[in-house]
Every structure is written in structure tokens, then in C-alpha cells.
Protein backbone atom coordinates (compact mmCIF):
# COMPACT_ATOMS: atom_id res chain seq x y z
CA MET A 1 -39.38 11.20 -28.89
CA ASP A 2 -36.13 9.57 -27.77
CA SER A 3 -33.59 11.38 -25.61
CA TRP A 4 -31.08 11.79 -28.45
CA THR A 5 -33.63 13.56 -30.64
CA LEU A 6 -34.64 15.76 -27.72
CA LEU A 7 -31.01 16.67 -27.13
CA LYS A 8 -30.53 17.61 -30.80
CA LEU A 9 -33.69 19.75 -30.79
CA THR A 10 -32.55 21.49 -27.63
CA PHE A 11 -29.16 22.21 -29.17
CA VAL A 12 -30.66 23.51 -32.43
CA SER A 13 -33.12 25.68 -30.50
CA PHE A 14 -30.28 27.15 -28.45
CA VAL A 15 -28.22 27.91 -31.57
CA LEU A 16 -31.21 29.56 -33.27
CA TYR A 17 -31.88 31.59 -30.11
CA VAL A 18 -28.26 32.82 -29.99
CA ILE A 19 -28.31 33.72 -33.69
CA GLY A 20 -31.65 35.49 -33.35
CA LEU A 21 -30.47 37.41 -30.28
CA TYR A 22 -27.30 38.47 -32.11
CA VAL A 23 -29.24 39.64 -35.15
CA TYR A 24 -31.67 41.59 -32.97
CA ARG A 25 -28.95 43.30 -30.95
CA MET A 26 -26.94 44.17 -34.05
CA TYR A 27 -29.73 45.46 -36.30
CA PHE A 28 -33.05 45.98 -34.50
CA ASP A 29 -32.20 46.94 -30.92
CA PRO A 30 -32.83 50.67 -30.15
CA LEU A 31 -29.10 50.97 -29.40
CA SER A 32 -27.97 49.29 -32.60
CA ASN A 33 -26.91 52.61 -34.16
CA ILE A 34 -24.58 53.51 -31.25
CA PRO A 35 -20.97 52.76 -32.26
CA GLY A 36 -18.86 50.21 -30.45
CA PRO A 37 -17.40 46.70 -30.75
CA LYS A 38 -19.89 44.15 -32.08
CA LEU A 39 -18.87 41.58 -29.47
CA ALA A 40 -19.54 44.05 -26.66
CA ALA A 41 -22.99 44.82 -28.11
CA ALA A 42 -23.74 41.13 -28.57
CA SER A 43 -23.00 39.76 -25.12
CA LEU A 44 -22.09 40.55 -21.51
CA TRP A 45 -19.38 37.90 -21.78
CA TYR A 46 -17.17 40.55 -23.39
CA GLU A 47 -17.27 42.65 -20.23
CA PHE A 48 -16.96 39.47 -18.14
CA TYR A 49 -13.67 38.66 -19.83
CA TYR A 50 -12.06 42.02 -19.07
CA ASP A 51 -13.47 42.50 -15.57
CA VAL A 52 -13.47 38.97 -14.14
CA ILE A 53 -10.83 37.05 -16.10
CA LYS A 54 -8.49 40.04 -16.60
CA LYS A 55 -9.33 41.33 -13.09
CA GLY A 56 -10.89 44.76 -13.36
CA ARG A 57 -9.52 45.90 -16.72
CA TYR A 58 -12.70 46.77 -18.59
CA THR A 59 -12.38 50.45 -17.73
CA TRP A 60 -9.24 50.69 -19.87
CA LYS A 61 -10.85 48.68 -22.66
CA ILE A 62 -13.68 51.23 -22.67
CA TRP A 63 -11.05 53.95 -23.00
CA GLU A 64 -9.72 52.16 -26.11
CA MET A 65 -13.26 52.04 -27.49
CA HIS A 66 -13.58 55.80 -27.16
CA ASP A 67 -10.25 56.31 -28.89
CA LYS A 68 -11.55 54.23 -31.79
CA TYR A 69 -15.28 55.06 -31.96
CA GLY A 70 -15.59 58.55 -30.47
CA PRO A 71 -17.17 60.09 -27.35
CA ILE A 72 -20.24 57.82 -27.24
CA VAL A 73 -19.99 54.02 -27.34
CA ARG A 74 -22.17 51.01 -26.63
CA ILE A 75 -20.14 48.99 -24.12
CA ASN A 76 -22.52 46.05 -23.60
CA PRO A 77 -25.94 45.02 -24.96
CA TYR A 78 -27.76 47.46 -22.68
CA GLU A 79 -25.41 50.29 -21.69
CA VAL A 80 -24.02 53.42 -23.33
CA HIS A 81 -20.86 55.12 -22.10
CA ILE A 82 -20.01 58.78 -22.71
CA ASN A 83 -16.56 60.33 -22.49
CA ASP A 84 -17.18 64.06 -22.70
CA PRO A 85 -16.45 66.28 -19.66
CA ASP A 86 -19.13 68.75 -20.71
CA MET A 87 -21.79 66.03 -20.29
CA ILE A 88 -21.17 65.43 -16.58
CA ASP A 89 -24.20 67.42 -15.40
CA GLU A 90 -26.41 65.77 -18.04
CA VAL A 91 -25.52 62.25 -16.93
CA TYR A 92 -25.46 63.12 -13.21
CA PRO A 93 -28.23 65.71 -12.81
CA ASN A 94 -29.68 67.27 -9.67
CA GLN A 95 -32.96 66.31 -8.00
CA GLN A 96 -35.10 68.18 -10.53
CA LYS A 97 -34.49 65.50 -13.17
CA ARG A 98 -35.67 61.99 -12.34
CA SER A 99 -32.89 59.44 -12.52
CA MET A 100 -32.53 55.85 -11.40
CA LYS A 101 -29.75 53.44 -10.52
CA TYR A 102 -29.03 50.43 -12.73
CA GLY A 103 -30.13 47.31 -10.84
CA TRP A 104 -27.84 44.95 -12.73
CA ALA A 105 -24.74 46.94 -11.73
CA MET A 106 -25.90 47.34 -8.13
CA LYS A 107 -25.71 43.57 -7.63
CA MET A 108 -21.96 43.91 -7.24
CA PHE A 109 -22.36 45.18 -3.68
CA GLY A 110 -24.33 42.20 -2.45
CA LEU A 111 -26.97 44.61 -1.11
CA LYS A 112 -30.75 44.25 -1.22
CA THR A 113 -32.33 47.46 0.09
CA GLY A 114 -29.66 49.94 1.16
CA VAL A 115 -29.60 53.48 -0.19
CA LEU A 116 -26.65 52.62 -2.47
CA ALA A 117 -28.66 49.84 -4.13
CA THR A 118 -31.97 51.75 -4.31
CA GLU A 119 -33.01 52.08 -7.94
CA SER A 120 -36.11 54.31 -7.60
CA HIS A 121 -35.60 58.07 -7.73
CA GLU A 122 -38.32 58.77 -5.16
CA LEU A 123 -37.36 56.02 -2.69
CA HIS A 124 -33.72 57.03 -2.93
CA ARG A 125 -34.65 60.59 -1.94
CA THR A 126 -36.47 59.26 1.12
CA ARG A 127 -33.65 56.96 2.19
CA ARG A 128 -30.90 59.46 1.51
CA GLY A 129 -32.82 62.07 3.49
CA ILE A 130 -32.66 59.86 6.58
CA PHE A 131 -28.87 60.00 6.64
CA ALA A 132 -28.33 63.47 5.16
CA HIS A 133 -28.47 65.19 8.54
CA TYR A 134 -25.88 62.90 10.12
CA LEU A 135 -23.38 63.47 7.31
CA SER A 136 -23.98 67.19 6.83
CA LYS A 137 -21.17 69.65 7.37
CA ALA A 138 -23.01 71.32 10.26
CA THR A 139 -23.27 68.02 12.14
CA LEU A 140 -19.66 67.11 11.42
CA LEU A 141 -18.46 70.43 12.80
CA ARG A 142 -20.13 69.52 16.10
CA LEU A 143 -18.51 66.08 16.02
CA GLU A 144 -15.07 67.31 15.00
CA PRO A 145 -13.53 66.68 18.47
CA GLY A 146 -14.35 62.97 18.12
CA ILE A 147 -12.71 62.83 14.69
CA GLN A 148 -9.70 64.75 15.99
CA SER A 149 -9.33 62.30 18.89
CA VAL A 150 -8.85 59.43 16.41
CA ILE A 151 -6.31 61.49 14.45
CA ASP A 152 -4.52 62.24 17.74
CA LYS A 153 -4.19 58.49 18.25
CA LEU A 154 -2.62 58.20 14.81
CA VAL A 155 -0.15 60.95 15.69
CA SER A 156 0.67 59.09 18.92
CA ARG A 157 1.29 55.87 16.98
CA PHE A 158 3.60 57.72 14.59
CA GLU A 159 5.46 59.23 17.56
CA GLY A 160 6.05 55.73 18.85
CA LEU A 161 7.47 54.63 15.48
CA LYS A 162 9.66 57.69 15.04
CA GLY A 163 13.26 56.70 14.42
CA SER A 164 12.54 52.98 14.80
CA GLY A 165 13.40 52.15 11.20
CA ARG A 166 10.25 50.07 10.95
CA ASN A 167 8.24 50.47 7.76
CA VAL A 168 4.44 50.73 7.72
CA ASN A 169 1.96 50.48 4.86
CA LEU A 170 0.01 53.73 4.61
CA LEU A 171 -2.89 51.95 2.90
CA ASP A 172 -3.34 49.94 6.10
CA VAL A 173 -2.63 52.91 8.37
CA TYR A 174 -5.22 55.22 6.82
CA ALA A 175 -7.81 52.45 6.45
CA CYS A 176 -7.45 51.98 10.22
CA LEU A 177 -7.89 55.71 10.79
CA THR A 178 -10.98 56.09 8.61
CA GLY A 179 -12.44 52.79 9.84
CA ASP A 180 -12.15 53.91 13.46
CA VAL A 181 -13.65 57.31 12.65
CA ILE A 182 -16.71 55.93 10.85
CA GLY A 183 -17.16 53.13 13.39
CA GLN A 184 -17.24 55.66 16.21
CA TYR A 185 -19.67 57.83 14.33
CA ALA A 186 -21.95 55.03 13.18
CA PHE A 187 -22.09 52.83 16.27
CA ALA A 188 -20.50 54.89 19.08
CA GLN A 189 -17.46 52.62 19.16
CA THR A 190 -14.17 52.67 17.33
CA TYR A 191 -13.17 49.31 15.96
CA GLY A 192 -9.75 49.63 17.58
CA PHE A 193 -7.93 49.25 14.26
CA LEU A 194 -5.32 51.87 15.18
CA ASP A 195 -4.55 49.99 18.40
CA ASP A 196 -3.24 47.00 16.49
CA PRO A 197 0.60 46.99 16.48
CA ASP A 198 0.60 46.14 12.77
CA PHE A 199 -2.23 48.53 11.81
CA SER A 200 -4.80 45.77 11.20
CA PRO A 201 -3.71 44.80 7.66
CA TYR A 202 -6.62 42.35 7.40
CA TRP A 203 -9.12 45.26 7.41
CA HIS A 204 -7.92 46.92 4.20
CA LYS A 205 -7.44 43.49 2.59
CA LEU A 206 -10.98 42.44 3.56
CA ILE A 207 -12.63 45.41 1.88
CA MET A 208 -10.49 45.06 -1.24
CA ASN A 209 -11.44 41.36 -1.46
CA VAL A 210 -15.10 42.31 -1.14
CA SER A 211 -14.61 44.88 -3.92
CA GLN A 212 -13.02 42.39 -6.28
CA ASN A 213 -15.78 39.86 -5.60
CA GLY A 214 -18.27 42.51 -6.69
CA LEU A 215 -17.26 42.13 -10.34
CA VAL A 216 -18.30 38.48 -10.17
CA LEU A 217 -21.57 39.25 -8.36
CA LYS A 218 -22.53 41.79 -11.01
CA GLN A 219 -22.26 39.15 -13.73
CA PHE A 220 -23.92 36.40 -11.69
CA GLY A 221 -26.58 38.01 -9.53
CA TRP A 222 -27.92 34.63 -8.38
CA MET A 223 -24.63 33.81 -6.68
CA MET A 224 -25.07 35.94 -3.54
CA PRO A 225 -28.40 34.42 -2.38
CA MET A 226 -27.05 30.96 -3.13
CA MET A 227 -23.87 31.53 -1.11
CA GLN A 228 -25.85 33.02 1.78
CA ALA A 229 -27.90 29.81 1.93
CA MET A 230 -24.85 27.52 1.96
CA PRO A 231 -22.77 26.48 5.00
CA ASP A 232 -19.44 28.29 5.19
CA TRP A 233 -17.38 25.15 4.59
CA LEU A 234 -19.09 24.67 1.23
CA VAL A 235 -18.65 28.34 0.25
CA LYS A 236 -14.93 28.03 0.97
CA ILE A 237 -14.74 25.13 -1.47
CA ILE A 238 -16.86 26.63 -4.27
CA GLN A 239 -15.92 30.33 -4.06
CA PRO A 240 -13.42 30.91 -1.23
CA GLN A 241 -13.17 34.67 -1.78
CA MET A 242 -16.92 35.05 -1.21
CA ILE A 243 -16.55 34.13 2.46
CA SER A 244 -15.02 37.57 3.06
CA LEU A 245 -18.22 39.30 1.94
CA LEU A 246 -20.44 36.98 3.97
CA GLU A 247 -18.41 37.57 7.14
CA PHE A 248 -18.37 41.30 6.38
CA GLN A 249 -22.17 41.38 6.21
CA ARG A 250 -22.65 39.25 9.32
CA GLY A 251 -20.47 41.61 11.32
CA PHE A 252 -22.70 44.55 10.43
CA ARG A 253 -25.80 42.52 11.20
CA ARG A 254 -24.46 41.78 14.68
CA GLN A 255 -23.79 45.48 15.26
CA VAL A 256 -27.31 46.45 14.18
CA ILE A 257 -28.82 43.79 16.46
CA GLU A 258 -26.62 44.91 19.37
CA ALA A 259 -27.70 48.52 18.82
CA LYS A 260 -31.36 47.48 18.88
CA GLU A 261 -30.86 45.39 22.02
CA GLY A 262 -29.07 48.29 23.72
CA ILE A 263 -31.94 50.64 22.93
CA ALA A 264 -34.41 48.06 24.29
CA ARG A 265 -32.43 48.10 27.56
CA GLY A 266 -32.62 51.88 27.66
CA GLU A 267 -28.95 52.45 26.88
CA LYS A 268 -27.71 55.61 25.15
CA PRO A 269 -24.37 56.30 23.47
CA ILE A 270 -22.14 58.48 25.62
CA GLY A 271 -20.41 61.56 24.30
CA GLN A 272 -21.72 62.13 20.78
CA GLU A 273 -24.48 61.58 18.23
CA THR A 274 -24.33 58.25 16.44
CA ILE A 275 -26.01 57.44 13.16
CA PHE A 276 -27.72 54.16 13.92
CA TYR A 277 -28.87 54.99 17.44
CA ASP A 278 -30.49 58.17 16.15
CA VAL A 279 -32.13 56.43 13.18
CA LEU A 280 -33.53 53.66 15.39
CA THR A 281 -34.94 56.12 17.91
CA ASN A 282 -36.27 58.66 15.40
CA ASP A 283 -40.06 58.42 15.20
CA ALA A 284 -40.04 60.23 11.84
CA VAL A 285 -38.18 57.31 10.20
CA ARG A 286 -40.48 54.72 8.63
CA PRO A 287 -40.55 51.31 10.39
CA GLN A 288 -39.38 49.51 7.24
CA GLU A 289 -36.22 51.63 7.28
CA LYS A 290 -35.45 50.28 10.76
CA GLU A 291 -35.64 46.60 9.84
CA THR A 292 -32.49 44.64 10.58
CA ASP A 293 -31.93 43.48 6.99
CA HIS A 294 -32.19 47.03 5.70
CA LEU A 295 -29.95 48.55 8.38
CA GLN A 296 -27.39 45.81 7.78
CA ASP A 297 -27.18 47.00 4.17
CA GLU A 298 -26.93 50.63 5.25
CA ALA A 299 -24.18 49.79 7.75
CA GLN A 300 -22.19 47.96 5.07
CA THR A 301 -22.51 50.95 2.74
CA ILE A 302 -21.57 53.57 5.33
CA ILE A 303 -18.65 51.69 6.88
CA ALA A 304 -17.15 50.41 3.62
CA ALA A 305 -17.60 53.70 1.75
CA GLY A 306 -16.27 55.63 4.74
CA THR A 307 -13.12 53.54 4.99
CA VAL A 308 -11.23 52.50 1.90
CA THR A 309 -11.87 55.37 -0.53
CA THR A 310 -10.91 58.09 1.96
CA GLY A 311 -7.99 56.06 3.29
CA HIS A 312 -6.77 55.36 -0.22
CA ILE A 313 -6.78 59.04 -1.17
CA LEU A 314 -4.87 59.90 2.02
CA ALA A 315 -2.25 57.27 1.15
CA ILE A 316 -1.92 58.58 -2.42
CA LEU A 317 -1.64 62.17 -1.20
CA SER A 318 1.06 61.14 1.27
CA PHE A 319 3.03 59.40 -1.48
CA TYR A 320 2.93 62.39 -3.80
CA LEU A 321 3.83 64.82 -1.02
CA ILE A 322 6.80 62.72 0.04
CA ASN A 323 7.83 62.18 -3.58
CA ASN A 324 7.62 65.90 -4.45
CA PRO A 325 9.76 67.84 -1.94
CA THR A 326 8.97 71.20 -3.55
CA VAL A 327 5.22 70.63 -3.15
CA LEU A 328 5.70 69.43 0.44
CA GLU A 329 7.84 72.43 1.31
CA ARG A 330 5.24 74.86 -0.01
CA LEU A 331 2.48 73.04 1.87
CA GLN A 332 4.42 73.01 5.13
CA THR A 333 5.13 76.71 4.80
CA GLU A 334 1.40 77.35 4.46
CA LEU A 335 0.60 75.08 7.42
CA GLY A 336 3.34 76.67 9.51
CA ASP A 337 1.95 80.16 8.91
CA LEU A 338 -1.48 79.01 10.05
CA MET A 339 -0.22 77.11 13.09
CA SER A 340 1.80 80.09 14.27
CA LYS A 341 -1.60 81.77 14.81
CA THR A 342 -3.79 78.86 15.89
CA GLY A 343 -1.48 76.41 17.67
CA PRO A 344 -0.34 72.94 16.56
CA PHE A 345 -3.82 71.50 15.88
CA PRO A 346 -5.99 74.04 14.06
CA LYS A 347 -9.69 73.43 13.47
CA TRP A 348 -11.16 72.10 10.24
CA GLN A 349 -12.76 75.45 9.31
CA GLN A 350 -9.39 77.14 9.71
CA ILE A 351 -7.46 74.55 7.70
CA GLU A 352 -9.91 74.41 4.80
CA GLN A 353 -9.22 78.09 4.10
CA LEU A 354 -5.67 77.23 3.01
CA PRO A 355 -5.61 77.54 -0.80
CA TYR A 356 -2.55 75.39 -1.46
CA LEU A 357 -3.64 72.53 0.81
CA THR A 358 -7.04 72.63 -0.89
CA ALA A 359 -5.31 72.40 -4.28
CA VAL A 360 -3.19 69.48 -3.00
CA ILE A 361 -6.30 67.60 -1.88
CA THR A 362 -8.06 68.32 -5.17
CA GLU A 363 -5.13 66.96 -7.16
CA GLY A 364 -5.05 63.87 -4.93
CA LEU A 365 -8.72 63.27 -5.64
CA ARG A 366 -8.10 63.67 -9.35
CA MET A 367 -5.19 61.25 -9.44
CA GLY A 368 -6.80 58.80 -7.00
CA TYR A 369 -10.18 58.96 -8.82
CA GLY A 370 -12.31 58.27 -5.72
CA VAL A 371 -14.48 55.48 -7.13
CA SER A 372 -12.86 54.16 -10.30
CA HIS A 373 -15.79 52.14 -11.66
CA ARG A 374 -18.28 53.70 -14.05
CA LEU A 375 -21.51 54.87 -12.42
CA GLN A 376 -24.72 54.37 -14.41
CA ARG A 377 -27.89 56.44 -14.43
CA LEU A 378 -31.23 55.67 -16.12
CA PHE A 379 -33.69 58.40 -17.10
CA PRO A 380 -37.31 57.20 -17.23
CA ASP A 381 -38.68 60.42 -18.73
CA THR A 382 -35.92 61.63 -21.03
CA VAL A 383 -34.48 60.86 -24.44
CA LEU A 384 -30.84 61.97 -24.40
CA GLN A 385 -29.71 63.66 -27.60
CA TYR A 386 -25.95 63.61 -28.01
CA ASN A 387 -23.58 63.92 -30.94
CA GLY A 388 -26.29 63.03 -33.43
CA TYR A 389 -27.50 59.97 -31.50
CA SER A 390 -30.73 59.47 -29.57
CA VAL A 391 -30.47 57.38 -26.39
CA PRO A 392 -33.92 56.02 -25.39
CA PRO A 393 -35.37 56.38 -21.87
CA MET A 394 -34.30 53.75 -19.31
CA THR A 395 -31.00 53.14 -21.08
CA PRO A 396 -28.12 52.87 -18.61
CA LEU A 397 -25.82 55.82 -19.26
CA SER A 398 -22.41 56.00 -17.63
CA MET A 399 -19.22 57.98 -17.30
CA THR A 400 -15.96 57.05 -15.55
CA SER A 401 -13.73 59.16 -13.33
CA VAL A 402 -10.59 57.47 -14.67
CA LEU A 403 -11.25 58.78 -18.18
CA LEU A 404 -12.43 62.22 -17.05
CA HIS A 405 -9.65 62.83 -14.54
CA ASP A 406 -6.93 61.80 -16.98
CA ASN A 407 -8.29 63.88 -19.86
CA PRO A 408 -5.08 65.30 -21.37
CA THR A 409 -6.82 68.34 -22.84
CA LEU A 410 -8.14 69.50 -19.48
CA PHE A 411 -5.20 68.19 -17.44
CA PRO A 412 -1.98 68.29 -19.48
CA ASP A 413 0.55 65.70 -18.33
CA PRO A 414 -2.28 64.06 -16.34
CA ARG A 415 -0.18 61.56 -14.35
CA THR A 416 2.01 64.29 -12.89
CA PHE A 417 1.02 65.68 -9.49
CA LYS A 418 0.44 69.42 -10.03
CA PRO A 419 -1.70 71.13 -7.36
CA GLU A 420 -1.01 74.47 -9.03
CA ARG A 421 -3.52 73.56 -11.76
CA TYR A 422 -6.41 74.66 -9.54
CA LEU A 423 -4.76 77.88 -8.39
CA GLU A 424 -4.21 78.86 -12.02
CA GLN A 425 -7.59 77.52 -13.27
CA PRO A 426 -10.11 77.07 -10.44
CA SER A 427 -12.79 76.10 -12.99
CA LEU A 428 -11.04 72.75 -13.57
CA ARG A 429 -12.66 71.43 -10.37
CA LYS A 430 -16.03 71.15 -12.12
CA TYR A 431 -14.63 68.33 -14.30
CA LEU A 432 -13.81 66.08 -11.34
CA ILE A 433 -16.26 63.47 -10.05
CA PRO A 434 -14.46 61.61 -7.20
CA PHE A 435 -17.73 61.64 -5.22
CA SER A 436 -19.97 61.34 -8.28
CA ARG A 437 -22.31 64.29 -8.93
CA GLY A 438 -25.93 65.32 -8.75
CA SER A 439 -28.71 63.77 -6.71
CA ARG A 440 -26.73 60.58 -6.05
CA GLN A 441 -23.53 62.29 -5.00
CA CYS A 442 -21.74 60.54 -2.13
CA ALA A 443 -23.44 61.54 1.12
CA GLY A 444 -20.16 61.10 3.02
CA MET A 445 -18.27 63.72 1.01
CA HIS A 446 -18.07 66.24 3.88
CA LEU A 447 -16.74 63.60 6.28
CA ALA A 448 -14.06 62.68 3.75
CA TYR A 449 -12.98 66.30 3.37
CA CYS A 450 -12.88 66.74 7.16
CA GLU A 451 -10.55 63.74 7.41
CA PHE A 452 -8.39 64.94 4.52
CA TYR A 453 -7.80 68.38 6.04
CA LEU A 454 -7.32 67.33 9.66
CA THR A 455 -5.12 64.31 8.87
CA LEU A 456 -2.81 66.01 6.38
CA ALA A 457 -2.37 68.96 8.75
CA ALA A 458 -1.50 66.58 11.59
CA VAL A 459 0.86 64.27 9.69
CA PHE A 460 2.64 66.89 7.56
CA ALA A 461 2.81 69.75 10.06
CA PRO A 462 6.28 71.32 9.80
CA GLY A 463 8.79 69.75 12.17
CA ARG A 464 6.50 66.94 13.35
CA PHE A 465 7.43 63.92 11.22
CA LYS A 466 9.62 63.12 8.25
CA LEU A 467 8.11 60.29 6.22
CA GLU A 468 10.42 58.50 3.79
CA LEU A 469 9.36 56.00 1.13
CA PHE A 470 10.47 52.42 1.69
CA GLU A 471 10.82 50.23 -1.41
CA THR A 472 7.86 52.07 -2.94
CA ASP A 473 7.56 53.82 -6.28
CA VAL A 474 4.82 55.16 -8.51
CA SER A 475 3.93 51.65 -9.71
CA ASP A 476 2.60 50.98 -6.19
CA VAL A 477 0.29 53.98 -6.52
CA GLU A 478 -0.97 54.03 -10.12
CA THR A 479 -4.37 52.38 -10.62
CA LYS A 480 -4.13 49.19 -12.69
CA HIS A 481 -7.34 47.40 -11.66
CA ASP A 482 -10.85 48.72 -11.23
CA PHE A 483 -12.65 46.86 -8.45
CA MET A 484 -14.98 49.83 -7.82
CA ASN A 485 -12.26 50.76 -5.33
CA THR A 486 -9.00 51.45 -7.14
CA SER A 487 -6.19 48.92 -7.02
CA PRO A 488 -2.53 49.13 -8.06
CA LYS A 489 -0.67 46.19 -9.57
CA LEU A 490 -1.73 43.04 -7.72
CA ASP A 491 1.76 42.17 -6.49
CA SER A 492 2.28 45.58 -4.87
CA LYS A 493 3.32 45.49 -1.21
CA GLY A 494 1.58 48.80 -0.59
CA ILE A 495 2.68 52.40 -0.01
CA ARG A 496 5.35 51.83 2.62
CA VAL A 497 7.17 54.47 4.63
CA THR A 498 9.53 54.84 7.56
CA ILE A 499 8.91 57.62 10.09
CA ASN A 500 11.60 59.94 11.47
């Protein structure tokens, strides 16, 4: 057979394969009866176009699908998306119902074994249990002085900027704060981000670059191992943005190795518990959970998750407080009443009792979404019955905070900042999923809340600072791109303020 004939046979075979695959997915696949666009059901390239080419816009395309097809849609050949607030606890159940992560989607983090990327229900329980103690509210209450010391440094930096006329980007500022907090807690050392005169703008940018790269990695899972095997100069030529993720991972690997070497020398962290020292010295933790590759993944998850999402919500809350003087005045009255009894820096347990501040934080989480990307669950033992459709076991099911949090029936005028919603209807909180829900709920939720309460009380205490927006409007705050972490318009210069 000559090469030309072989080429023609190969081409014909490929065309027949594509046609056969299309026919199967349209008419014989178990999901073929679920409504949705035919192109989305036929190929992952549909999602690729909106998430990679259009830069994180598939979430809004999914919203359009629901408007057209109803509350359940097939959004790619394998996955079903539901937009019904009353289904939250079905899609994100507690430990009693076995659920798994979707391996294809988990590739976007560039992780191999960390708890975030663990698909198995049982193994996830084991791995999550290792860290549950360190991120529990009881432990955080003991470590509150360390968290407060980082916030005190932020207050000191703001004091130094007071009246200077210099503008600062709150996205950078709060990423520095949360990065230093989680660094201190994880490895017994702050990263010194808050010490940088310009608030370490590279740090927030680095994590956002890593997030955007994740949409490419999800589509091309083979890319990460290939890039890891290449020299950096070649990576910079082929996929220059990927170098950020590689350097990110190497930094965590160095920290894990340094922690192990310190333990081998008999060194102990001074002053507080630290996550990785305690894990490495805990005889109850399995040896495989102490391997460098695995702890590198866990460090990436803990540091990244503990930085940008919390910092982003703090920046959004600050914008809406500054932009809504009536809300700010009511909050400062509440804080002032508390501080008249406790002093200028009340404790977390005292601050979290404030109903209006709690409503402010809740509304910030609603409007900031937490994680904006859809989160999939697979159920190995369950057929989901919904709206007349049967979804087979091991089908990736997902929901999205953007759609739920902006539901106009539950939250009228959803893009208006209204903390009073939760004072008038406390039950609305059950429809929010900024930290996900169920057995895979974010383990760092209590740390985030601690930082929300302590930071907002410190920055917006009556008479301490007056923050004014600098060349910033709502377009710098509204989410326009879903890179797992939320992103405003790509040409935004950030949420900038001057301090008086």
C-alpha cells in the first residue's frame, strides 16, 4: 500500500470515527435525552472556545443555556449542570452519601495527589481529616493572636499611607495580608508580602495567572507533565504563562523540603502550631501522606486557596462599603458600640456576634461568589432523578455559585449590595455556596471568616481611616471572567483607594 492510499484511508477512518461519535453522543449516549446545545453535547471544543479562546466565559454561556433549555442542561459530552437552588444539598451532600470529584476537571490545578485533586470519597475523607484539626475553629481561636499580629501590620502600613495621597490596589493589599497569614500558619513564617512598599503586586498577579492557565490544563491534561519535563527556556517559548505555575510549585516544594530538613536537625517552630511541621511529626499520619510530592500539592492548595479568594472578598467588601456611605455608617455605628466596651481591637468571638457586620460579610460572599467555577460531583451509587430526567451514576453533576448567587427570585436586584436581605430573611443564607457545600466544603472556611471579621473591624473602625476610591468603579469589581478565581474585566487596574 503506497503512502497516498494510507493517508486517504487514515482520513476516511477519522471522518467515520467523528461521525460515529457524533451519532452516538446525540442518540445513544445515556445523556442524550438531557436538553442542551448539540455542539456542546458533541465535543469539548465547545467549552474550549468559551473558556480558553474567550477567556473564562463559559459560565455565562451555561447561564444562557439554562434560560433556553430549563434548569437541567448537558453542557459537554459528559457533564450535566443544574440551576435550581433547592438542589444544592442533593448535588453537594454530606458524608453519608458517597460522592467523588471529577478527575478531568481537577487537572486544571496541576495537582497529582493533593486533597483538592483526590477523586475517591474514602481517600478524600482520610486526607481531609489530616488537615481538619489545623483549620478548625477551636484551633484558630488559639492562633488568633498570630492572625491579629499580621492585621496589626496592615493597620501600621495604612497609618503610614494616611494623608499621603498615594493610591493602593486593595486586591494586592489583601492578597498580601492573607498570604502572610496562611504562610505563617502553614510554615511558621510570613512571606513578608506586607513589608513590600508596593504591596507585592506580583503575588496576586502570579496566582491569577496560575488560575487562568488552569482552563488550558483542564482541556489538555498532558500539558503539565510535558512542561514539567522541559527546560524553562523552552517552556517560555511554547507556553510562557505556564512558567508561573511551574515556579509556583517549585517554591512550595522547596518549603516542604526545608521543613523536613529542619525537623531532621531537631528544629521546632517557635510561638505557634504550624500545619506542615505538625503533619510531618504526627505518627498517626500515613507515610505516603508525608511524601514530598504529596505535601507539595497540599501546600499549593492551602496557600493558594488561603490567599486570593479571601483577599478578593475583602477587596470587594471594601469597595461596596466605601461606595455605600449609608451601609458604612450603620456598620461603623455597630463597631463603635462594641469597641466602647471591648477596646479598639475586639476579639473574633466578640466581633462575629455583630448582626449587621455578619450580614455585610454574607452579602460580600454572595456578590464575590467565592469560587466562580462550577464544581462537579460524581455519585457512584446513585441515579439522580430530577425534573423528569434520570442522570446515571458516575455522571459529573455541577452547579455554579455565579448562577445561584445572582438568582433574581431569591435575591431581587442581585447586583445591588444589600446586607439587609439576611436580617429580613436569614434563611437566604442556605442558598449561598461561596465555600461549596457538603463533604467537600472548603476546609479553610473558618480561617476565611476569622480574617473577614478581624480585618473589617480593624480597617473600618470608626475614626481610624477614611478610604476613598481612586479611579475605580463597579466595572473594576464585577466578575467578567471565570478562572476558578473570579476576575473583573482584563484591563482593570484593580480596586484602588487613597487613605486619609
